[in-house]
PDB file of N, CA and C in Angstrom:
ATOM      1  N   MET A   1       0.699  -1.182   0.182  1.00  0.00           N
ATOM      2  CA  MET A   1       0.159  -0.229  -0.113  1.00  0.00           C
ATOM      3  C   MET A   1       0.464   1.141   0.132  1.00  0.00           C
ATOM      4  N   PRO A   2       0.440   2.034  -0.924  1.00  0.00           N
ATOM      5  CA  PRO A   2       1.536   3.288  -0.851  1.00  0.00           C
ATOM      6  C   PRO A   2       0.856   4.246  -0.095  1.00  0.00           C
ATOM      7  N   ARG A   3       2.406   4.713   0.228  1.00  0.00           N
ATOM      8  CA  ARG A   3       2.149   5.972   1.872  1.00  0.00           C
ATOM      9  C   ARG A   3       1.296   7.271   1.521  1.00  0.00           C
ATOM     10  N   VAL A   4       0.687   7.978   2.009  1.00  0.00           N
ATOM     11  CA  VAL A   4       0.144   8.686   1.819  1.00  0.00           C
ATOM     12  C   VAL A   4       0.742   9.815   2.942  1.00  0.00           C
ATOM     13  N   LYS A   5       0.951  11.061   2.860  1.00  0.00           N
ATOM     14  CA  LYS A   5       1.375  12.501   3.168  1.00  0.00           C
ATOM     15  C   LYS A   5       0.507  13.442   3.473  1.00  0.00           C
ATOM     16  N   ARG A   6      -0.272  13.297   2.595  1.00  0.00           N
ATOM     17  CA  ARG A   6      -1.550  14.678   3.117  1.00  0.00           C
ATOM     18  C   ARG A   6      -1.258  15.966   2.493  1.00  0.00           C
ATOM     19  N   GLY A   7       0.141  15.684   2.370  1.00  0.00           N
ATOM     20  CA  GLY A   7       0.509  17.490   2.044  1.00  0.00           C
ATOM     21  C   GLY A   7      -0.028  18.153   2.631  1.00  0.00           C
ATOM     22  N   THR A   8      -1.191  19.340   1.060  1.00  0.00           N
ATOM     23  CA  THR A   8      -1.862  21.249   1.366  1.00  0.00           C
ATOM     24  C   THR A   8      -3.142  20.220   2.085  1.00  0.00           C
ATOM     25  N   VAL A   9      -3.847  18.828   2.527  1.00  0.00           N
ATOM     26  CA  VAL A   9      -4.888  18.896   2.362  1.00  0.00           C
ATOM     27  C   VAL A   9      -5.001  18.840   4.381  1.00  0.00           C
ATOM     28  N   ARG A  10      -3.468  18.799   4.742  1.00  0.00           N
ATOM     29  CA  ARG A  10      -4.275  18.637   6.004  1.00  0.00           C
ATOM     30  C   ARG A  10      -3.894  19.897   6.527  1.00  0.00           C
ATOM     31  N   ARG A  11      -3.388  20.720   5.768  1.00  0.00           N
ATOM     32  CA  ARG A  11      -3.407  22.134   6.300  1.00  0.00           C
ATOM     33  C   ARG A  11      -4.178  22.157   6.167  1.00  0.00           C
ATOM     34  N   ALA A  12      -5.039  22.501   5.125  1.00  0.00           N
ATOM     35  CA  ALA A  12      -6.416  23.007   4.398  1.00  0.00           C
ATOM     36  C   ALA A  12      -7.284  22.547   5.324  1.00  0.00           C
ATOM     37  N   LYS A  13      -7.444  21.110   5.910  1.00  0.00           N
ATOM     38  CA  LYS A  13      -9.039  21.486   7.054  1.00  0.00           C
ATOM     39  C   LYS A  13      -8.365  21.616   8.697  1.00  0.00           C
ATOM     40  N   ARG A  14      -7.112  21.683   9.110  1.00  0.00           N
ATOM     41  CA  ARG A  14      -7.135  22.285  10.296  1.00  0.00           C
ATOM     42  C   ARG A  14      -6.437  23.593   9.338  1.00  0.00           C
ATOM     43  N   LYS A  15      -6.310  24.582   9.135  1.00  0.00           N
ATOM     44  CA  LYS A  15      -7.059  25.745   8.134  1.00  0.00           C
ATOM     45  C   LYS A  15      -8.231  26.451   8.368  1.00  0.00           C
ATOM     46  N   LYS A  16      -9.585  25.303   8.609  1.00  0.00           N
ATOM     47  CA  LYS A  16     -11.024  25.473   8.226  1.00  0.00           C
ATOM     48  C   LYS A  16     -10.859  25.472   9.491  1.00  0.00           C
ATOM     49  N   ILE A  17     -11.330  24.049  10.660  1.00  0.00           N
ATOM     50  CA  ILE A  17     -11.563  23.783  12.173  1.00  0.00           C
ATOM     51  C   ILE A  17     -10.647  25.101  12.661  1.00  0.00           C
ATOM     52  N   LEU A  18      -9.503  25.175  12.920  1.00  0.00           N
ATOM     53  CA  LEU A  18      -9.333  26.299  13.801  1.00  0.00           C
ATOM     54  C   LEU A  18      -9.657  28.484  13.255  1.00  0.00           C
ATOM     55  N   ALA A  19     -10.285  28.634  11.688  1.00  0.00           N
ATOM     56  CA  ALA A  19     -11.202  29.527  11.183  1.00  0.00           C
ATOM     57  C   ALA A  19     -12.064  30.049  11.981  1.00  0.00           C
ATOM     58  N   ARG A  20     -13.058  28.952  12.309  1.00  0.00           N
ATOM     59  CA  ARG A  20     -14.096  28.565  12.551  1.00  0.00           C
ATOM     60  C   ARG A  20     -13.757  28.759  14.455  1.00  0.00           C
ATOM     61  N   ALA A  21     -12.509  27.778  14.945  1.00  0.00           N
ATOM     62  CA  ALA A  21     -12.943  29.067  16.331  1.00  0.00           C
ATOM     63  C   ALA A  21     -12.003  30.392  16.618  1.00  0.00           C
ATOM     64  N   LYS A  22     -11.480  30.982  16.064  1.00  0.00           N
ATOM     65  CA  LYS A  22     -11.270  31.791  16.030  1.00  0.00           C
ATOM     66  C   LYS A  22     -13.025  32.504  16.780  1.00  0.00           C
ATOM     67  N   GLY A  23     -12.386  33.668  17.957  1.00  0.00           N
ATOM     68  CA  GLY A  23     -12.740  34.510  19.144  1.00  0.00           C
ATOM     69  C   GLY A  23     -13.532  33.959  20.156  1.00  0.00           C
ATOM     70  N   PHE A  24     -12.829  31.810  20.154  1.00  0.00           N
ATOM     71  CA  PHE A  24     -13.317  30.709  20.450  1.00  0.00           C
ATOM     72  C   PHE A  24     -11.689  31.455  22.403  1.00  0.00           C
ATOM     73  N   PHE A  25     -12.525  31.672  23.223  1.00  0.00           N
ATOM     74  CA  PHE A  25     -11.142  31.600  24.222  1.00  0.00           C
ATOM     75  C   PHE A  25      -9.696  30.582  25.048  1.00  0.00           C
ATOM     76  N   GLN A  26      -8.910  31.274  25.329  1.00  0.00           N
ATOM     77  CA  GLN A  26      -7.584  30.377  25.593  1.00  0.00           C
ATOM     78  C   GLN A  26      -7.114  29.026  23.657  1.00  0.00           C
ATOM     79  N   THR A  27      -7.032  28.120  24.215  1.00  0.00           N
ATOM     80  CA  THR A  27      -6.484  27.597  24.217  1.00  0.00           C
ATOM     81  C   THR A  27      -7.421  26.957  22.503  1.00  0.00           C
ATOM     82  N   LYS A  28      -8.838  27.475  22.496  1.00  0.00           N
ATOM     83  CA  LYS A  28      -9.613  26.163  21.943  1.00  0.00           C
ATOM     84  C   LYS A  28      -9.343  27.293  21.269  1.00  0.00           C
ATOM     85  N   SER A  29      -8.995  28.331  20.429  1.00  0.00           N
ATOM     86  CA  SER A  29      -8.768  28.854  19.431  1.00  0.00           C
ATOM     87  C   SER A  29      -7.688  29.346  18.855  1.00  0.00           C
ATOM     88  N   LYS A  30      -6.258  27.911  18.799  1.00  0.00           N
ATOM     89  CA  LYS A  30      -4.457  28.555  19.435  1.00  0.00           C
ATOM     90  C   LYS A  30      -4.164  26.219  18.245  1.00  0.00           C
ATOM     91  N   LEU A  31      -4.715  26.726  19.322  1.00  0.00           N
ATOM     92  CA  LEU A  31      -4.555  24.638  19.040  1.00  0.00           C
ATOM     93  C   LEU A  31      -5.318  24.669  19.081  1.00  0.00           C
ATOM     94  N   TYR A  32      -5.392  22.881  17.766  1.00  0.00           N
ATOM     95  CA  TYR A  32      -6.034  22.005  16.497  1.00  0.00           C
ATOM     96  C   TYR A  32      -6.588  21.110  18.127  1.00  0.00           C
ATOM     97  N   ARG A  33      -6.385  20.100  18.565  1.00  0.00           N
ATOM     98  CA  ARG A  33      -7.768  19.330  19.160  1.00  0.00           C
ATOM     99  C   ARG A  33      -8.336  19.837  19.877  1.00  0.00           C
ATOM    100  N   SER A  34      -8.292  20.976  20.982  1.00  0.00           N
ATOM    101  CA  SER A  34      -9.019  21.379  21.610  1.00  0.00           C
ATOM    102  C   SER A  34     -10.578  22.667  20.798  1.00  0.00           C
ATOM    103  N   ALA A  35      -9.790  23.264  19.775  1.00  0.00           N
ATOM    104  CA  ALA A  35     -10.483  23.241  18.509  1.00  0.00           C
ATOM    105  C   ALA A  35     -10.945  22.643  17.866  1.00  0.00           C
ATOM    106  N   LYS A  36     -10.687  21.599  17.575  1.00  0.00           N
ATOM    107  CA  LYS A  36     -11.409  21.194  17.606  1.00  0.00           C
ATOM    108  C   LYS A  36     -13.746  20.485  17.885  1.00  0.00           C
ATOM    109  N   GLU A  37     -12.338  20.115  18.874  1.00  0.00           N
ATOM    110  CA  GLU A  37     -13.640  19.792  20.067  1.00  0.00           C
ATOM    111  C   GLU A  37     -14.616  21.001  20.692  1.00  0.00           C
ATOM    112  N   SER A  38     -13.993  22.009  19.950  1.00  0.00           N
ATOM    113  CA  SER A  38     -14.953  22.848  20.331  1.00  0.00           C
ATOM    114  C   SER A  38     -16.301  23.484  19.523  1.00  0.00           C
ATOM    115  N   VAL A  39     -14.865  23.566  18.640  1.00  0.00           N
ATOM    116  CA  VAL A  39     -15.438  23.696  16.638  1.00  0.00           C
ATOM    117  C   VAL A  39     -16.861  22.267  16.725  1.00  0.00           C
ATOM    118  N   ASP A  40     -16.816  20.971  17.316  1.00  0.00           N
ATOM    119  CA  ASP A  40     -17.512  20.226  17.140  1.00  0.00           C
ATOM    120  C   ASP A  40     -19.030  20.184  18.158  1.00  0.00           C
ATOM    121  N   THR A  41     -18.771  21.305  19.392  1.00  0.00           N
ATOM    122  CA  THR A  41     -19.260  20.928  20.036  1.00  0.00           C
ATOM    123  C   THR A  41     -20.625  22.692  20.017  1.00  0.00           C
ATOM    124  N   ALA A  42     -19.660  23.607  19.899  1.00  0.00           N
ATOM    125  CA  ALA A  42     -20.399  24.100  19.013  1.00  0.00           C
ATOM    126  C   ALA A  42     -21.178  24.247  17.888  1.00  0.00           C
ATOM    127  N   LEU A  43     -21.056  22.867  17.253  1.00  0.00           N
ATOM    128  CA  LEU A  43     -21.996  23.337  15.796  1.00  0.00           C
ATOM    129  C   LEU A  43     -23.396  21.953  16.329  1.00  0.00           C
ATOM    130  N   LYS A  44     -23.098  21.127  16.836  1.00  0.00           N
ATOM    131  CA  LYS A  44     -24.325  21.103  18.250  1.00  0.00           C
ATOM    132  C   LYS A  44     -24.570  21.139  18.673  1.00  0.00           C
ATOM    133  N   TYR A  45     -24.544  22.223  19.190  1.00  0.00           N
ATOM    134  CA  TYR A  45     -26.162  23.393  20.182  1.00  0.00           C
ATOM    135  C   TYR A  45     -25.607  24.644  18.867  1.00  0.00           C
ATOM    136  N   ALA A  46     -25.375  24.699  17.711  1.00  0.00           N
ATOM    137  CA  ALA A  46     -26.094  24.792  16.791  1.00  0.00           C
ATOM    138  C   ALA A  46     -27.737  24.493  16.335  1.00  0.00           C
ATOM    139  N   PHE A  47     -26.718  23.360  15.493  1.00  0.00           N
ATOM    140  CA  PHE A  47     -28.821  22.457  15.975  1.00  0.00           C
ATOM    141  C   PHE A  47     -29.388  22.194  15.843  1.00  0.00           C
ATOM    142  N   VAL A  48     -29.262  21.984  17.809  1.00  0.00           N
ATOM    143  CA  VAL A  48     -30.182  22.433  17.913  1.00  0.00           C
ATOM    144  C   VAL A  48     -30.853  22.887  18.791  1.00  0.00           C
ATOM    145  N   GLY A  49     -29.817  24.323  18.777  1.00  0.00           N
ATOM    146  CA  GLY A  49     -30.588  25.863  18.819  1.00  0.00           C
ATOM    147  C   GLY A  49     -31.837  26.237  17.886  1.00  0.00           C
ATOM    148  N   ARG A  50     -30.789  25.790  16.927  1.00  0.00           N
ATOM    149  CA  ARG A  50     -32.518  26.149  15.358  1.00  0.00           C
ATOM    150  C   ARG A  50     -33.335  25.385  15.917  1.00  0.00           C
ATOM    151  N   ARG A  51     -33.717  24.302  16.367  1.00  0.00           N
ATOM    152  CA  ARG A  51     -34.782  23.874  16.239  1.00  0.00           C
ATOM    153  C   ARG A  51     -35.784  24.246  17.690  1.00  0.00           C
ATOM    154  N   ARG A  52     -34.499  24.654  18.726  1.00  0.00           N
ATOM    155  CA  ARG A  52     -34.911  25.715  19.360  1.00  0.00           C
ATOM    156  C   ARG A  52     -35.790  26.337  19.351  1.00  0.00           C
ATOM    157  N   LYS A  53     -35.479  27.813  18.450  1.00  0.00           N
ATOM    158  CA  LYS A  53     -35.773  28.456  18.686  1.00  0.00           C
ATOM    159  C   LYS A  53     -37.179  28.764  18.359  1.00  0.00           C
ATOM    160  N   LYS A  54     -37.998  27.169  17.552  1.00  0.00           N
ATOM    161  CA  LYS A  54     -39.118  27.341  16.518  1.00  0.00           C
ATOM    162  C   LYS A  54     -40.675  26.956  18.731  1.00  0.00           C
ATOM    163  N   ARG A  55     -39.586  26.273  18.799  1.00  0.00           N
ATOM    164  CA  ARG A  55     -41.035  25.798  20.163  1.00  0.00           C
ATOM    165  C   ARG A  55     -40.685  27.399  20.807  1.00  0.00           C
ATOM    166  N   ASP A  56     -38.975  28.146  20.882  1.00  0.00           N
ATOM    167  CA  ASP A  56     -39.454  29.377  22.239  1.00  0.00           C
ATOM    168  C   ASP A  56     -41.045  30.623  21.392  1.00  0.00           C
ATOM    169  N   PHE A  57     -40.009  30.831  19.663  1.00  0.00           N
ATOM    170  CA  PHE A  57     -40.959  31.712  19.337  1.00  0.00           C
ATOM    171  C   PHE A  57     -42.825  31.219  19.486  1.00  0.00           C
ATOM    172  N   ARG A  58     -42.895  30.591  19.211  1.00  0.00           N
ATOM    173  CA  ARG A  58     -43.985  29.318  19.342  1.00  0.00           C
ATOM    174  C   ARG A  58     -45.233  29.677  21.027  1.00  0.00           C
ATOM    175  N   ARG A  59     -43.556  29.393  22.072  1.00  0.00           N
ATOM    176  CA  ARG A  59     -44.271  29.758  23.307  1.00  0.00           C
ATOM    177  C   ARG A  59     -44.565  31.579  23.000  1.00  0.00           C
ATOM    178  N   LEU A  60     -43.731  31.573  22.846  1.00  0.00           N
ATOM    179  CA  LEU A  60     -44.021  33.236  22.592  1.00  0.00           C
ATOM    180  C   LEU A  60     -45.687  34.019  22.315  1.00  0.00           C
ATOM    181  N   TRP A  61     -46.045  33.579  21.154  1.00  0.00           N
ATOM    182  CA  TRP A  61     -46.752  33.365  20.682  1.00  0.00           C
ATOM    183  C   TRP A  61     -47.520  33.255  21.055  1.00  0.00           C
ATOM    184  N   ILE A  62     -47.834  32.455  22.096  1.00  0.00           N
ATOM    185  CA  ILE A  62     -48.931  31.216  23.490  1.00  0.00           C
ATOM    186  C   ILE A  62     -49.055  33.265  23.405  1.00  0.00           C
ATOM    187  N   VAL A  63     -48.101  33.340  25.043  1.00  0.00           N
ATOM    188  CA  VAL A  63     -47.996  33.935  26.424  1.00  0.00           C
ATOM    189  C   VAL A  63     -48.786  35.503  25.805  1.00  0.00           C
ATOM    190  N   ARG A  64     -48.468  36.493  24.477  1.00  0.00           N
ATOM    191  CA  ARG A  64     -49.190  37.448  24.063  1.00  0.00           C
ATOM    192  C   ARG A  64     -50.606  37.079  23.928  1.00  0.00           C
ATOM    193  N   ILE A  65     -50.727  35.411  23.396  1.00  0.00           N
ATOM    194  CA  ILE A  65     -51.920  35.959  22.180  1.00  0.00           C
ATOM    195  C   ILE A  65     -53.060  35.446  23.858  1.00  0.00           C
ATOM    196  N   ASN A  66     -52.285  35.125  25.244  1.00  0.00           N
ATOM    197  CA  ASN A  66     -53.324  35.074  26.277  1.00  0.00           C
ATOM    198  C   ASN A  66     -53.360  36.139  26.835  1.00  0.00           C
ATOM    199  N   ALA A  67     -52.015  37.245  26.844  1.00  0.00           N
ATOM    200  CA  ALA A  67     -53.336  38.417  27.222  1.00  0.00           C
ATOM    201  C   ALA A  67     -53.549  39.190  27.158  1.00  0.00           C
ATOM    202  N   ALA A  68     -53.857  39.000  24.828  1.00  0.00           N
ATOM    203  CA  ALA A  68     -54.562  40.215  24.950  1.00  0.00           C
ATOM    204  C   ALA A  68     -56.523  38.485  25.417  1.00  0.00           C
ATOM    205  N   ALA A  69     -55.858  38.231  24.932  1.00  0.00           N
ATOM    206  CA  ALA A  69     -57.503  36.920  25.192  1.00  0.00           C
ATOM    207  C   ALA A  69     -57.638  37.376  25.937  1.00  0.00           C
ATOM    208  N   ARG A  70     -57.216  38.500  27.563  1.00  0.00           N
ATOM    209  CA  ARG A  70     -57.422  37.910  29.227  1.00  0.00           C
ATOM    210  C   ARG A  70     -57.972  39.481  29.232  1.00  0.00           C
ATOM    211  N   GLU A  71     -57.981  40.350  28.578  1.00  0.00           N
ATOM    212  CA  GLU A  71     -58.077  41.009  27.904  1.00  0.00           C
ATOM    213  C   GLU A  71     -59.426  41.356  28.311  1.00  0.00           C
ATOM    214  N   HIS A  72     -59.335  40.663  26.464  1.00  0.00           N
ATOM    215  CA  HIS A  72     -61.439  40.686  26.266  1.00  0.00           C
ATOM    216  C   HIS A  72     -62.374  39.842  27.440  1.00  0.00           C
ATOM    217  N   GLY A  73     -61.844  38.789  27.750  1.00  0.00           N
ATOM    218  CA  GLY A  73     -63.016  37.988  29.145  1.00  0.00           C
ATOM    219  C   GLY A  73     -62.240  36.784  28.628  1.00  0.00           C
ATOM    220  N   LEU A  74     -61.826  36.313  27.598  1.00  0.00           N
ATOM    221  CA  LEU A  74     -61.552  34.971  27.291  1.00  0.00           C
ATOM    222  C   LEU A  74     -60.144  34.737  27.630  1.00  0.00           C
ATOM    223  N   SER A  75     -59.747  33.051  28.276  1.00  0.00           N
ATOM    224  CA  SER A  75     -58.430  31.980  28.145  1.00  0.00           C
ATOM    225  C   SER A  75     -57.957  32.360  27.274  1.00  0.00           C
ATOM    226  N   TYR A  76     -56.678  31.770  27.001  1.00  0.00           N
ATOM    227  CA  TYR A  76     -56.371  30.940  25.344  1.00  0.00           C
ATOM    228  C   TYR A  76     -56.789  30.095  25.044  1.00  0.00           C
ATOM    229  N   SER A  77     -57.316  28.919  25.648  1.00  0.00           N
ATOM    230  CA  SER A  77     -58.042  28.435  25.110  1.00  0.00           C
ATOM    231  C   SER A  77     -59.324  28.154  25.035  1.00  0.00           C
ATOM    232  N   ALA A  78     -59.859  29.274  25.795  1.00  0.00           N
ATOM    233  CA  ALA A  78     -61.591  29.631  25.100  1.00  0.00           C
ATOM    234  C   ALA A  78     -61.107  30.183  23.102  1.00  0.00           C
ATOM    235  N   PHE A  79     -60.268  30.719  23.596  1.00  0.00           N
ATOM    236  CA  PHE A  79     -59.973  32.201  22.709  1.00  0.00           C
ATOM    237  C   PHE A  79     -59.382  30.892  21.359  1.00  0.00           C
ATOM    238  N   ILE A  80     -58.518  30.527  21.307  1.00  0.00           N
ATOM    239  CA  ILE A  80     -58.009  28.973  19.994  1.00  0.00           C
ATOM    240  C   ILE A  80     -60.207  28.745  19.879  1.00  0.00           C
ATOM    241  N   LYS A  81     -60.227  27.695  20.453  1.00  0.00           N
ATOM    242  CA  LYS A  81     -61.244  26.598  20.274  1.00  0.00           C
ATOM    243  C   LYS A  81     -62.581  28.132  19.693  1.00  0.00           C
ATOM    244  N   GLY A  82     -63.352  28.821  20.404  1.00  0.00           N
ATOM    245  CA  GLY A  82     -63.842  30.384  19.295  1.00  0.00           C
ATOM    246  C   GLY A  82     -63.456  30.665  17.594  1.00  0.00           C
ATOM    247  N   LEU A  83     -62.009  30.989  17.856  1.00  0.00           N
ATOM    248  CA  LEU A  83     -61.222  31.602  16.184  1.00  0.00           C
ATOM    249  C   LEU A  83     -61.985  30.376  15.912  1.00  0.00           C
ATOM    250  N   GLU A  84     -61.461  28.851  16.265  1.00  0.00           N
ATOM    251  CA  GLU A  84     -61.782  27.153  15.317  1.00  0.00           C
ATOM    252  C   GLU A  84     -63.353  26.656  15.256  1.00  0.00           C
ATOM    253  N   ALA A  85     -64.141  27.964  15.717  1.00  0.00           N
ATOM    254  CA  ALA A  85     -65.657  27.148  15.586  1.00  0.00           C
ATOM    255  C   ALA A  85     -66.065  28.750  14.535  1.00  0.00           C
ATOM    256  N   ALA A  86     -65.098  29.182  14.487  1.00  0.00           N
ATOM    257  CA  ALA A  86     -65.541  30.955  13.601  1.00  0.00           C
ATOM    258  C   ALA A  86     -64.474  30.816  11.670  1.00  0.00           C
ATOM    259  N   GLY A  87     -64.611  29.227  11.957  1.00  0.00           N
ATOM    260  CA  GLY A  87     -63.157  29.109  10.567  1.00  0.00           C
ATOM    261  C   GLY A  87     -62.627  30.513  10.967  1.00  0.00           C
ATOM    262  N   VAL A  88     -61.709  30.489  11.918  1.00  0.00           N
ATOM    263  CA  VAL A  88     -60.727  31.966  11.600  1.00  0.00           C
ATOM    264  C   VAL A  88     -59.932  31.624  11.484  1.00  0.00           C
ATOM    265  N   THR A  89     -58.790  31.179  10.448  1.00  0.00           N
ATOM    266  CA  THR A  89     -57.725  30.274  10.492  1.00  0.00           C
ATOM    267  C   THR A  89     -56.564  31.202  10.341  1.00  0.00           C
ATOM    268  N   LEU A  90     -55.977  31.592  11.250  1.00  0.00           N
ATOM    269  CA  LEU A  90     -55.629  33.069  11.264  1.00  0.00           C
ATOM    270  C   LEU A  90     -53.960  32.030  11.674  1.00  0.00           C
ATOM    271  N   ASP A  91     -52.656  32.014  12.307  1.00  0.00           N
ATOM    272  CA  ASP A  91     -51.451  31.546  12.761  1.00  0.00           C
ATOM    273  C   ASP A  91     -51.351  32.409  13.788  1.00  0.00           C
ATOM    274  N   ARG A  92     -50.943  31.539  14.390  1.00  0.00           N
ATOM    275  CA  ARG A  92     -50.590  31.900  15.496  1.00  0.00           C
ATOM    276  C   ARG A  92     -49.187  33.350  15.271  1.00  0.00           C
ATOM    277  N   LYS A  93     -48.529  32.536  15.306  1.00  0.00           N
ATOM    278  CA  LYS A  93     -47.726  34.191  14.361  1.00  0.00           C
ATOM    279  C   LYS A  93     -48.613  35.526  14.392  1.00  0.00           C
ATOM    280  N   MET A  94     -49.427  35.479  13.114  1.00  0.00           N
ATOM    281  CA  MET A  94     -50.323  36.502  12.781  1.00  0.00           C
ATOM    282  C   MET A  94     -50.846  37.164  14.040  1.00  0.00           C
ATOM    283  N   LEU A  95     -51.609  35.864  14.695  1.00  0.00           N
ATOM    284  CA  LEU A  95     -52.651  36.191  16.230  1.00  0.00           C
ATOM    285  C   LEU A  95     -51.637  37.948  17.133  1.00  0.00           C
ATOM    286  N   ALA A  96     -50.569  36.845  17.429  1.00  0.00           N
ATOM    287  CA  ALA A  96     -49.006  37.401  17.885  1.00  0.00           C
ATOM    288  C   ALA A  96     -49.285  39.588  17.710  1.00  0.00           C
ATOM    289  N   ASP A  97     -48.871  38.882  16.361  1.00  0.00           N
ATOM    290  CA  ASP A  97     -48.771  40.023  15.569  1.00  0.00           C
ATOM    291  C   ASP A  97     -49.989  41.104  15.883  1.00  0.00           C
ATOM    292  N   LEU A  98     -50.911  40.822  15.922  1.00  0.00           N
ATOM    293  CA  LEU A  98     -52.150  41.068  16.321  1.00  0.00           C
ATOM    294  C   LEU A  98     -52.894  42.139  17.546  1.00  0.00           C
ATOM    295  N   ALA A  99     -52.205  41.612  18.105  1.00  0.00           N
ATOM    296  CA  ALA A  99     -52.164  41.653  19.310  1.00  0.00           C
ATOM    297  C   ALA A  99     -51.033  42.486  19.941  1.00  0.00           C
ATOM    298  N   ALA A 100     -50.226  43.027  19.301  1.00  0.00           N
ATOM    299  CA  ALA A 100     -48.696  43.685  19.366  1.00  0.00           C
ATOM    300  C   ALA A 100     -49.954  44.936  19.259  1.00  0.00           C
ATOM    301  N   ARG A 101     -49.920  45.293  18.068  1.00  0.00           N
ATOM    302  CA  ARG A 101     -50.307  46.316  16.696  1.00  0.00           C
ATOM    303  C   ARG A 101     -50.669  47.006  16.453  1.00  0.00           C
ATOM    304  N   GLU A 102     -52.574  45.457  16.224  1.00  0.00           N
ATOM    305  CA  GLU A 102     -53.605  46.064  16.501  1.00  0.00           C
ATOM    306  C   GLU A 102     -54.305  45.635  17.109  1.00  0.00           C
ATOM    307  N   PRO A 103     -54.429  46.126  18.009  1.00  0.00           N
ATOM    308  CA  PRO A 103     -55.207  46.031  19.091  1.00  0.00           C
ATOM    309  C   PRO A 103     -56.894  45.983  19.165  1.00  0.00           C
ATOM    310  N   LYS A 104     -56.981  46.922  17.856  1.00  0.00           N
ATOM    311  CA  LYS A 104     -58.654  47.178  18.087  1.00  0.00           C
ATOM    312  C   LYS A 104     -59.207  45.682  16.794  1.00  0.00           C
ATOM    313  N   ALA A 105     -57.827  45.655  15.289  1.00  0.00           N
ATOM    314  CA  ALA A 105     -58.771  44.425  15.169  1.00  0.00           C
ATOM    315  C   ALA A 105     -58.442  43.084  15.716  1.00  0.00           C
ATOM    316  N   PHE A 106     -57.274  43.047  16.636  1.00  0.00           N
ATOM    317  CA  PHE A 106     -57.209  41.822  17.678  1.00  0.00           C
ATOM    318  C   PHE A 106     -59.099  42.020  18.996  1.00  0.00           C
ATOM    319  N   ALA A 107     -58.820  43.163  19.180  1.00  0.00           N
ATOM    320  CA  ALA A 107     -60.222  43.090  19.635  1.00  0.00           C
ATOM    321  C   ALA A 107     -62.227  42.252  18.662  1.00  0.00           C
ATOM    322  N   ALA A 108     -62.088  42.491  17.615  1.00  0.00           N
ATOM    323  CA  ALA A 108     -62.912  42.083  16.675  1.00  0.00           C
ATOM    324  C   ALA A 108     -62.492  40.892  17.002  1.00  0.00           C
ATOM    325  N   LEU A 109     -61.722  40.731  16.016  1.00  0.00           N
ATOM    326  CA  LEU A 109     -61.207  38.501  16.875  1.00  0.00           C
ATOM    327  C   LEU A 109     -61.996  38.547  17.524  1.00  0.00           C
ATOM    328  N   ALA A 110     -61.358  38.807  19.288  1.00  0.00           N
ATOM    329  CA  ALA A 110     -62.208  38.353  20.485  1.00  0.00           C
ATOM    330  C   ALA A 110     -63.351  38.422  20.621  1.00  0.00           C
ATOM    331  N   ALA A 111     -63.894  39.359  19.720  1.00  0.00           N
ATOM    332  CA  ALA A 111     -66.091  39.613  19.688  1.00  0.00           C
ATOM    333  C   ALA A 111     -66.115  38.038  18.966  1.00  0.00           C
ATOM    334  N   GLN A 112     -65.193  38.134  17.786  1.00  0.00           N
ATOM    335  CA  GLN A 112     -66.100  36.804  16.755  1.00  0.00           C
ATOM    336  C   GLN A 112     -65.574  35.674  16.838  1.00  0.00           C
ATOM    337  N   ALA A 113     -64.765  35.096  17.851  1.00  0.00           N
ATOM    338  CA  ALA A 113     -64.279  33.877  19.588  1.00  0.00           C
ATOM    339  C   ALA A 113     -65.692  33.616  20.152  1.00  0.00           C
ATOM    340  N   LYS A 114     -65.501  35.272  21.067  1.00  0.00           N
ATOM    341  CA  LYS A 114     -66.856  34.579  21.792  1.00  0.00           C
ATOM    342  C   LYS A 114     -68.052  34.555  21.492  1.00  0.00           C
ATOM    343  N   ALA A 115     -68.829  35.132  20.706  1.00  0.00           N
ATOM    344  CA  ALA A 115     -69.392  34.302  19.909  1.00  0.00           C
ATOM    345  C   ALA A 115     -69.296  33.635  18.989  1.00  0.00           C
ATOM    346  N   ALA A 116     -68.565  32.783  17.827  1.00  0.00           N
ATOM    347  CA  ALA A 116     -68.584  30.938  17.796  1.00  0.00           C
ATOM    348  C   ALA A 116     -68.541  31.060  18.883  1.00  0.00           C
ATOM    349  N   ARG A 117     -68.562  30.277  20.232  1.00  0.00           N
ATOM    350  CA  ARG A 117     -67.689  29.297  20.757  1.00  0.00           C
ATOM    351  C   ARG A 117     -68.928  28.473  21.726  1.00  0.00           C
ATOM    352  N   PRO A 118     -69.205  27.057  21.366  1.00  0.00           N
ATOM    353  CA  PRO A 118     -69.873  26.424  21.951  1.00  0.00           C
ATOM    354  C   PRO A 118     -69.973  26.144  23.328  1.00  0.00           C
ATOM    355  N   ALA A 119     -71.461  26.730  24.186  1.00  0.00           N
ATOM    356  CA  ALA A 119     -71.901  26.313  25.343  1.00  0.00           C
ATOM    357  C   ALA A 119     -71.708  25.056  26.137  1.00  0.00           C
ATOM    358  N   PRO A 120     -71.128  25.477  27.272  1.00  0.00           N
ATOM    359  CA  PRO A 120     -70.724  24.697  27.559  1.00  0.00           C
ATOM    360  C   PRO A 120     -71.277  24.268  28.165  1.00  0.00           C
ATOM    361  N   PRO A 121     -71.179  22.905  28.424  1.00  0.00           N
ATOM    362  CA  PRO A 121     -72.116  21.414  29.091  1.00  0.00           C
ATOM    363  C   PRO A 121     -72.770  21.908  30.776  1.00  0.00           C
ATOM    364  N   ARG A 122     -74.260  21.736  30.646  1.00  0.00           N
ATOM    365  CA  ARG A 122     -74.903  21.883  31.635  1.00  0.00           C
ATOM    366  C   ARG A 122     -74.937  20.517  32.298  1.00  0.00           C
ATOM    367  N   ALA A 123     -74.921  20.679  33.846  1.00  0.00           N
ATOM    368  CA  ALA A 123     -74.217  19.664  34.870  1.00  0.00           C
ATOM    369  C   ALA A 123     -75.870  19.735  35.876  1.00  0.00           C
ATOM    370  N   THR A 124     -76.232  17.649  34.903  1.00  0.00           N
ATOM    371  CA  THR A 124     -76.961  17.395  34.974  1.00  0.00           C
ATOM    372  C   THR A 124     -77.833  16.785  37.006  1.00  0.00           C
ATOM    373  N   ALA A 125     -79.025  17.178  38.353  1.00  0.00           N
ATOM    374  CA  ALA A 125     -78.720  16.973  39.160  1.00  0.00           C
ATOM    375  C   ALA A 125     -79.236  15.338  39.432  1.00  0.00           C
TER     376      ALA A 125
END
């Protein structure tokens, strides 16, 4: 089997890792082995973070919608159920934006949801 010395390929590979580690603390940006470990960990966290961001934004939108709905005498779940019953198909991102920027439009939606929500079941004695 022929001997492989790698030449420029090794240098390019190391240079790429060290470039990605630029700005890391102490040896993590200088020494190849610790830089490689740090870059791998950073890439792992970045991958996870891209998925977390979607969850975090949805939670934020729900909090905003809930706060605005309670100003109109509705809980979040009652508001969403009422909108579904009324046939309104706005997503949570748009509802949260309306709650923050267009209070009058949100009030109209809340009134629509209140009118369309189903009546609560009666207790039989």
